[in-house]
Amino acid sequence: MWSNIVFANPELLWLGTILIPMIVWYILRNRTSGASISVSGIAAFKKGGSSLKVYLRHMLFVLRCLVIAVLIVAIARPQSNKSWDEMSTEGIDIMIAIDISSSMLAQDFKPNRLLDAKDKSVRFISGRPDDRIGLVTFAAESFTQCPLTTDHAVLINLFKDVESGMLEDGTAIGMGLATAVNRLRESKAKSKVVVLLTDGVNNSGAIDPLTAAEIAKTFGVRVYTIGVGTNGMAPYPVQTIFGLQLQQMEVKIDEDILREISKITGGEYFRATGSAKLADIYKEIDELEKTKIDVKHFSKQDEEYLPLALLAGIILLLEVVLRHTLFRRIP
């Protein structure tokens, strides 16, 4: 635990120098003082020698110095530094842009479109440990839920927190795509991909989907689009005066726009009428060219002062007990 220790306040370790005058004072005091008793002669004591207890009496001072030393180290805030080295690995850069509008709660996918899309995406992320992957959510506006990262545990946790209603309701396909492309524009990977999942028609946002597609093409980003929803009608949860009820509503997906986005960027369009279709696009991404990227793992510092504080308390308690029992002084 102490092999990689650093101190948050190393300057406080200089307080340890106060032990020097304490030790000097203790030595000088013991040279000039001592117990005495008046006797007629000392011949009877010459063969007795000093008992072990006489030497052990200095233990009290040693324990007191040890308490002070340990407390000084504790207040300097020792921290264990856990880090990983920089390394190179093979992978591509992928941004997943997922529609979280209210229509994604339709239950033609079980338990609904959004939860099923999240589940398949998380499985995909888990199967690609060498790729940098990020997440963008969009409805009437777009938001970067997680930038490109190789820390997939953090990404998956953020993915699981995604819910419909986090953003204003609507479908801004262009904004969602533009935000994802913006996260990829400075990437040095040879293969840059956006996986865009939506179940609706673009009806919000300041950026047209085809304009966003042209921007993606400019930065060499390939876009795979997925239209999520069965053909025909689908059951939607609707709030009525009788509570939440399912009503059959027509599935409207702007497939022409999604196909055009993929065509412009060199990607491919998928119509996901069931869960199995989501696996198809991930198989396609697996065939993409890979490139070397530099990975910098984060470092984590944990506070380690608590064991020292507890140790100081134990030593202090021991010193108090010995001072009032074994080494008790009688005035």
Protein backbone atom coordinates (compact mmCIF):
# COMPACT_ATOMS: atom_id res chain seq x y z
CA MET A 1 0.00 0.00 0.00
CA TRP A 2 2.87 2.38 0.78
CA SER A 3 4.98 1.64 -2.33
CA ASN A 4 3.53 4.58 -4.32
CA ILE A 5 2.90 7.13 -1.58
CA VAL A 6 2.85 10.87 -2.25
CA PHE A 7 2.02 13.67 0.18
CA ALA A 8 -0.59 16.35 -0.49
CA ASN A 9 1.16 18.70 2.02
CA PRO A 10 4.81 17.58 2.07
CA GLU A 11 5.95 20.86 3.63
CA LEU A 12 4.30 19.82 6.90
CA LEU A 13 6.83 17.01 7.27
CA TRP A 14 9.29 19.69 8.42
CA LEU A 15 7.35 19.76 11.68
CA GLY A 16 9.24 16.58 12.49
CA THR A 17 12.27 18.72 13.35
CA ILE A 18 10.59 19.61 16.66
CA LEU A 19 11.55 16.12 17.82
CA ILE A 20 15.24 17.14 17.82
CA PRO A 21 15.04 19.73 20.66
CA MET A 22 12.69 17.37 22.53
CA ILE A 23 15.26 14.56 22.43
CA VAL A 24 18.10 16.92 23.42
CA TRP A 25 16.05 18.26 26.35
CA TYR A 26 15.19 14.75 27.51
CA ILE A 27 18.83 13.61 27.47
CA LEU A 28 20.05 16.69 29.38
CA ARG A 29 17.27 16.39 31.94
CA ASN A 30 18.10 12.78 32.70
CA ARG A 31 21.76 13.62 33.21
CA THR A 32 21.05 16.27 35.85
CA SER A 33 18.16 14.69 37.69
CA GLY A 34 17.32 11.44 39.38
CA ALA A 35 15.75 9.93 42.45
CA SER A 36 17.74 10.02 45.68
CA ILE A 37 17.53 8.52 49.11
CA SER A 38 19.63 9.21 52.24
CA VAL A 39 21.45 6.13 53.56
CA SER A 40 24.41 5.62 55.91
CA GLY A 41 26.36 3.76 53.22
CA ILE A 42 26.02 2.27 49.71
CA ALA A 43 28.02 -0.92 50.19
CA ALA A 44 24.84 -3.00 50.28
CA PHE A 45 23.74 -1.67 46.84
CA LYS A 46 26.99 -2.19 44.88
CA LYS A 47 26.19 -5.79 43.89
CA GLY A 48 22.56 -5.18 43.05
CA GLY A 49 22.91 -3.51 39.60
CA SER A 50 20.09 -1.79 37.73
CA SER A 51 16.83 -3.61 36.96
CA LEU A 52 15.33 -3.86 33.46
CA LYS A 53 12.54 -1.54 34.54
CA VAL A 54 15.06 1.27 35.00
CA TYR A 55 16.01 1.10 31.32
CA LEU A 56 12.46 0.58 30.10
CA ARG A 57 11.32 3.82 31.74
CA HIS A 58 12.62 5.63 28.64
CA MET A 59 9.92 3.84 26.64
CA LEU A 60 7.38 6.47 27.68
CA PHE A 61 9.37 9.22 26.01
CA VAL A 62 9.95 7.06 22.92
CA LEU A 63 6.21 6.38 22.63
CA ARG A 64 5.42 10.10 22.99
CA CYS A 65 7.89 10.96 20.22
CA LEU A 66 6.42 8.22 18.05
CA VAL A 67 2.90 9.62 18.49
CA ILE A 68 4.07 13.07 17.39
CA ALA A 69 5.96 11.66 14.39
CA VAL A 70 2.99 9.58 13.19
CA LEU A 71 0.58 12.52 13.58
CA ILE A 72 2.89 14.78 11.56
CA VAL A 73 2.98 12.23 8.74
CA ALA A 74 -0.83 11.94 8.94
CA ILE A 75 -1.49 15.68 8.66
CA ALA A 76 0.85 15.79 5.63
CA ARG A 77 -1.90 13.72 3.97
CA PRO A 78 -0.21 10.66 2.48
CA GLN A 79 -1.95 9.43 -0.67
CA SER A 80 -1.51 6.20 -2.58
CA ASN A 81 -1.12 6.86 -6.28
CA LYS A 82 -2.76 4.24 -8.50
CA SER A 83 -2.04 4.83 -12.17
CA TRP A 84 -1.47 3.05 -15.45
CA ASP A 85 1.13 3.79 -18.10
CA GLU A 86 0.51 5.22 -21.52
CA MET A 87 0.25 2.57 -24.22
CA SER A 88 -0.62 2.12 -27.88
CA THR A 89 -3.43 -0.15 -29.03
CA GLU A 90 -5.50 -0.96 -32.10
CA GLY A 91 -8.98 0.51 -32.48
CA ILE A 92 -11.35 2.96 -34.08
CA ASP A 93 -13.19 5.99 -32.77
CA ILE A 94 -16.95 5.55 -32.46
CA MET A 95 -19.65 7.94 -31.30
CA ILE A 96 -23.07 6.46 -30.58
CA ALA A 97 -25.89 8.98 -31.09
CA ILE A 98 -29.15 7.71 -29.64
CA ASP A 99 -32.63 9.22 -29.89
CA ILE A 100 -34.26 9.58 -26.45
CA SER A 101 -37.52 11.25 -27.52
CA SER A 102 -40.78 10.00 -26.01
CA SER A 103 -41.53 7.85 -29.08
CA MET A 104 -38.57 5.63 -28.08
CA LEU A 105 -40.82 4.34 -25.28
CA ALA A 106 -42.93 2.43 -27.81
CA GLN A 107 -43.22 -1.21 -26.84
CA ASP A 108 -42.86 -2.95 -30.21
CA PHE A 109 -39.39 -3.79 -28.79
CA LYS A 110 -39.32 -5.38 -25.37
CA PRO A 111 -39.45 -3.82 -22.85
CA ASN A 112 -39.36 -0.76 -25.15
CA ARG A 113 -37.25 0.66 -27.97
CA LEU A 114 -34.95 2.74 -25.79
CA LEU A 115 -34.15 0.02 -23.26
CA ASP A 116 -33.54 -2.55 -25.98
CA ALA A 117 -31.28 -0.15 -27.90
CA LYS A 118 -29.33 0.58 -24.71
CA ASP A 119 -28.92 -3.11 -23.97
CA LYS A 120 -27.58 -3.92 -27.45
CA SER A 121 -25.28 -0.91 -27.41
CA VAL A 122 -23.81 -1.86 -24.03
CA ARG A 123 -23.09 -5.37 -25.33
CA PHE A 124 -21.38 -3.84 -28.33
CA ILE A 125 -19.23 -1.58 -26.15
CA SER A 126 -18.22 -4.50 -23.93
CA GLY A 127 -17.04 -6.44 -26.96
CA ARG A 128 -14.71 -3.71 -28.23
CA PRO A 129 -12.19 -3.02 -25.42
CA ASP A 130 -9.60 -1.42 -27.72
CA ASP A 131 -11.87 1.24 -29.24
CA ARG A 132 -12.50 4.76 -28.06
CA ILE A 133 -16.26 5.12 -27.80
CA GLY A 134 -18.46 8.05 -26.80
CA LEU A 135 -22.16 8.79 -26.40
CA VAL A 136 -24.46 11.57 -27.62
CA THR A 137 -28.15 11.74 -26.72
CA PHE A 138 -30.66 13.82 -28.64
CA ALA A 139 -34.33 14.70 -28.70
CA ALA A 140 -35.34 18.29 -29.57
CA GLU A 141 -31.73 19.17 -28.68
CA SER A 142 -28.50 17.20 -28.35
CA PHE A 143 -26.11 16.56 -25.49
CA THR A 144 -22.72 14.82 -25.15
CA GLN A 145 -23.31 12.24 -22.45
CA CYS A 146 -19.73 10.93 -22.64
CA PRO A 147 -16.79 12.03 -24.85
CA LEU A 148 -14.54 9.49 -26.56
CA THR A 149 -12.97 7.23 -23.95
CA THR A 150 -11.39 3.81 -23.46
CA ASP A 151 -12.79 3.70 -19.92
CA HIS A 152 -15.77 1.62 -20.98
CA ALA A 153 -16.91 0.99 -17.41
CA VAL A 154 -17.64 4.70 -16.98
CA LEU A 155 -19.25 4.87 -20.43
CA ILE A 156 -21.55 1.92 -19.69
CA ASN A 157 -22.62 3.45 -16.38
CA LEU A 158 -23.47 6.71 -18.15
CA PHE A 159 -25.29 4.75 -20.85
CA LYS A 160 -27.45 3.00 -18.26
CA ASP A 161 -28.46 6.39 -16.81
CA VAL A 162 -29.91 7.57 -20.14
CA GLU A 163 -33.68 7.98 -20.00
CA SER A 164 -36.39 9.53 -22.12
CA GLY A 165 -37.34 12.96 -20.81
CA MET A 166 -33.80 14.10 -20.04
CA LEU A 167 -34.09 16.57 -22.93
CA GLU A 168 -36.94 18.57 -24.44
CA ASP A 169 -39.14 16.26 -26.50
CA GLY A 170 -38.72 16.20 -30.27
CA THR A 171 -36.41 14.68 -32.87
CA ALA A 172 -33.37 16.73 -33.93
CA ILE A 173 -31.47 14.22 -36.08
CA GLY A 174 -29.23 16.92 -37.53
CA MET A 175 -28.25 18.24 -34.10
CA GLY A 176 -27.55 14.76 -32.79
CA LEU A 177 -25.33 13.94 -35.76
CA ALA A 178 -23.54 17.30 -35.71
CA THR A 179 -22.72 16.94 -32.00
CA ALA A 180 -21.31 13.45 -32.57
CA VAL A 181 -19.22 14.64 -35.53
CA ASN A 182 -17.90 17.54 -33.48
CA ARG A 183 -16.53 15.04 -30.97
CA LEU A 184 -14.76 13.17 -33.79
CA ARG A 185 -13.39 16.05 -35.84
CA GLU A 186 -10.03 16.20 -34.03
CA SER A 187 -9.61 12.42 -33.91
CA LYS A 188 -6.47 11.05 -35.59
CA ALA A 189 -7.95 7.60 -36.11
CA LYS A 190 -8.19 6.42 -39.72
CA SER A 191 -11.67 5.06 -39.07
CA LYS A 192 -14.18 7.43 -37.47
CA VAL A 193 -17.74 6.22 -37.09
CA VAL A 194 -21.09 7.51 -35.89
CA VAL A 195 -23.83 5.02 -35.08
CA LEU A 196 -27.08 6.99 -35.13
CA LEU A 197 -30.28 5.40 -33.78
CA THR A 198 -33.64 7.09 -34.23
CA ASP A 199 -37.28 6.14 -34.63
CA GLY A 200 -38.74 9.35 -35.99
CA VAL A 201 -38.73 12.22 -38.46
CA ASN A 202 -36.50 15.27 -38.04
CA ASN A 203 -38.76 17.99 -36.61
CA SER A 204 -36.46 20.05 -34.37
CA GLY A 205 -33.00 21.58 -34.20
CA ALA A 206 -31.14 24.33 -36.05
CA ILE A 207 -29.05 21.99 -38.25
CA ASP A 208 -30.51 20.10 -41.19
CA PRO A 209 -29.64 16.36 -41.19
CA LEU A 210 -28.14 16.49 -44.69
CA THR A 211 -26.03 19.50 -43.72
CA ALA A 212 -24.75 17.55 -40.75
CA ALA A 213 -24.00 14.64 -43.10
CA GLU A 214 -21.91 16.90 -45.34
CA ILE A 215 -19.98 18.07 -42.30
CA ALA A 216 -19.38 14.45 -41.35
CA LYS A 217 -18.09 13.72 -44.84
CA THR A 218 -15.70 16.67 -44.61
CA PHE A 219 -14.13 15.22 -41.49
CA GLY A 220 -14.01 11.68 -42.87
CA VAL A 221 -16.70 10.35 -40.53
CA ARG A 222 -18.70 7.32 -41.66
CA VAL A 223 -22.29 7.30 -40.40
CA TYR A 224 -24.33 4.16 -39.86
CA THR A 225 -27.99 5.02 -39.38
CA ILE A 226 -30.59 2.77 -37.79
CA GLY A 227 -34.31 3.31 -38.11
CA VAL A 228 -35.78 1.74 -34.99
CA GLY A 229 -39.37 0.48 -35.19
CA THR A 230 -41.61 -2.18 -36.65
CA ASN A 231 -43.51 -1.70 -39.88
CA GLY A 232 -47.06 -0.38 -39.58
CA MET A 233 -48.41 0.27 -36.09
CA ALA A 234 -46.76 0.09 -32.68
CA PRO A 235 -48.09 0.31 -29.10
CA TYR A 236 -47.21 3.61 -27.40
CA PRO A 237 -47.80 4.43 -23.73
CA VAL A 238 -50.14 7.44 -23.57
CA GLN A 239 -51.21 9.34 -20.47
CA THR A 240 -55.02 9.53 -20.30
CA ILE A 241 -57.57 10.49 -17.67
CA PHE A 242 -57.66 6.81 -16.78
CA GLY A 243 -53.88 6.63 -16.32
CA LEU A 244 -51.12 5.32 -18.58
CA GLN A 245 -52.54 3.22 -21.41
CA LEU A 246 -51.15 1.66 -24.59
CA GLN A 247 -52.48 2.97 -27.89
CA GLN A 248 -51.63 1.80 -31.38
CA MET A 249 -49.91 4.56 -33.36
CA GLU A 250 -48.37 4.64 -36.81
CA VAL A 251 -44.59 4.22 -37.01
CA LYS A 252 -43.10 7.17 -38.94
CA ILE A 253 -39.39 7.01 -39.77
CA ASP A 254 -37.77 9.30 -42.34
CA GLU A 255 -35.93 6.46 -44.08
CA ASP A 256 -35.07 8.58 -47.12
CA ILE A 257 -33.12 11.05 -44.96
CA LEU A 258 -31.37 8.26 -43.04
CA ARG A 259 -30.39 6.49 -46.27
CA GLU A 260 -29.07 9.74 -47.70
CA ILE A 261 -26.99 10.45 -44.60
CA SER A 262 -25.37 7.03 -44.86
CA LYS A 263 -24.85 7.39 -48.60
CA ILE A 264 -23.15 10.79 -48.27
CA THR A 265 -20.76 9.56 -45.58
CA GLY A 266 -20.03 6.09 -46.98
CA GLY A 267 -21.95 4.28 -44.29
CA GLU A 268 -25.03 2.10 -44.42
CA TYR A 269 -28.67 2.32 -43.39
CA PHE A 270 -30.40 -0.39 -41.35
CA ARG A 271 -34.08 -0.72 -40.55
CA ALA A 272 -34.27 -2.39 -37.16
CA THR A 273 -37.66 -4.02 -37.02
CA GLY A 274 -36.40 -6.28 -34.25
CA SER A 275 -33.54 -6.73 -31.82
CA ALA A 276 -31.49 -8.88 -34.18
CA LYS A 277 -31.05 -6.00 -36.63
CA LEU A 278 -29.01 -4.03 -34.11
CA ALA A 279 -26.41 -6.80 -34.12
CA ASP A 280 -26.03 -6.46 -37.90
CA ILE A 281 -24.66 -2.94 -37.79
CA TYR A 282 -22.19 -3.86 -35.07
CA LYS A 283 -20.88 -6.73 -37.20
CA GLU A 284 -20.39 -4.21 -40.00
CA ILE A 285 -18.38 -1.92 -37.72
CA ASP A 286 -16.20 -4.86 -36.66
CA GLU A 287 -14.98 -5.09 -40.27
CA LEU A 288 -13.75 -1.49 -40.32
CA GLU A 289 -10.04 -0.76 -40.66
CA LYS A 290 -8.30 -0.29 -37.34
CA THR A 291 -5.54 2.13 -36.47
CA LYS A 292 -3.13 2.62 -33.60
CA ILE A 293 -4.16 5.10 -30.94
CA ASP A 294 -2.42 6.29 -27.79
CA VAL A 295 -4.26 5.47 -24.59
CA LYS A 296 -3.63 7.46 -21.42
CA HIS A 297 -5.14 5.82 -18.40
CA PHE A 298 -6.19 7.99 -15.49
CA SER A 299 -4.49 7.99 -12.11
CA LYS A 300 -6.37 7.73 -8.84
CA GLN A 301 -5.21 8.93 -5.45
CA ASP A 302 -6.62 7.53 -2.21
CA GLU A 303 -6.17 9.19 1.18
CA GLU A 304 -4.09 7.03 3.55
CA TYR A 305 -4.00 9.22 6.68
CA LEU A 306 -6.70 7.32 8.57
CA PRO A 307 -4.55 4.24 9.42
CA LEU A 308 -1.84 6.60 10.70
CA ALA A 309 -4.29 8.53 12.85
CA LEU A 310 -5.58 5.28 14.34
CA LEU A 311 -2.01 4.10 14.97
CA ALA A 312 -1.17 7.36 16.77
CA GLY A 313 -4.25 6.96 18.95
CA ILE A 314 -3.28 3.38 19.88
CA ILE A 315 0.29 4.39 20.75
CA LEU A 316 -0.94 7.33 22.83
CA LEU A 317 -3.34 5.06 24.73
CA LEU A 318 -0.50 2.58 25.38
CA GLU A 319 1.71 5.37 26.73
CA VAL A 320 -1.01 6.63 29.08
CA VAL A 321 -1.69 3.14 30.42
CA LEU A 322 2.02 2.42 31.05
CA ARG A 323 2.54 5.82 32.67
CA HIS A 324 -0.21 5.17 35.22
CA THR A 325 0.56 1.49 35.86
CA LEU A 326 3.93 -0.11 35.27
CA PHE A 327 5.90 3.16 35.22
CA ARG A 328 3.82 5.08 37.70
CA ARG A 329 5.89 7.61 39.65
CA ILE A 330 5.33 8.11 43.35
CA PRO A 331 5.92 11.74 44.46
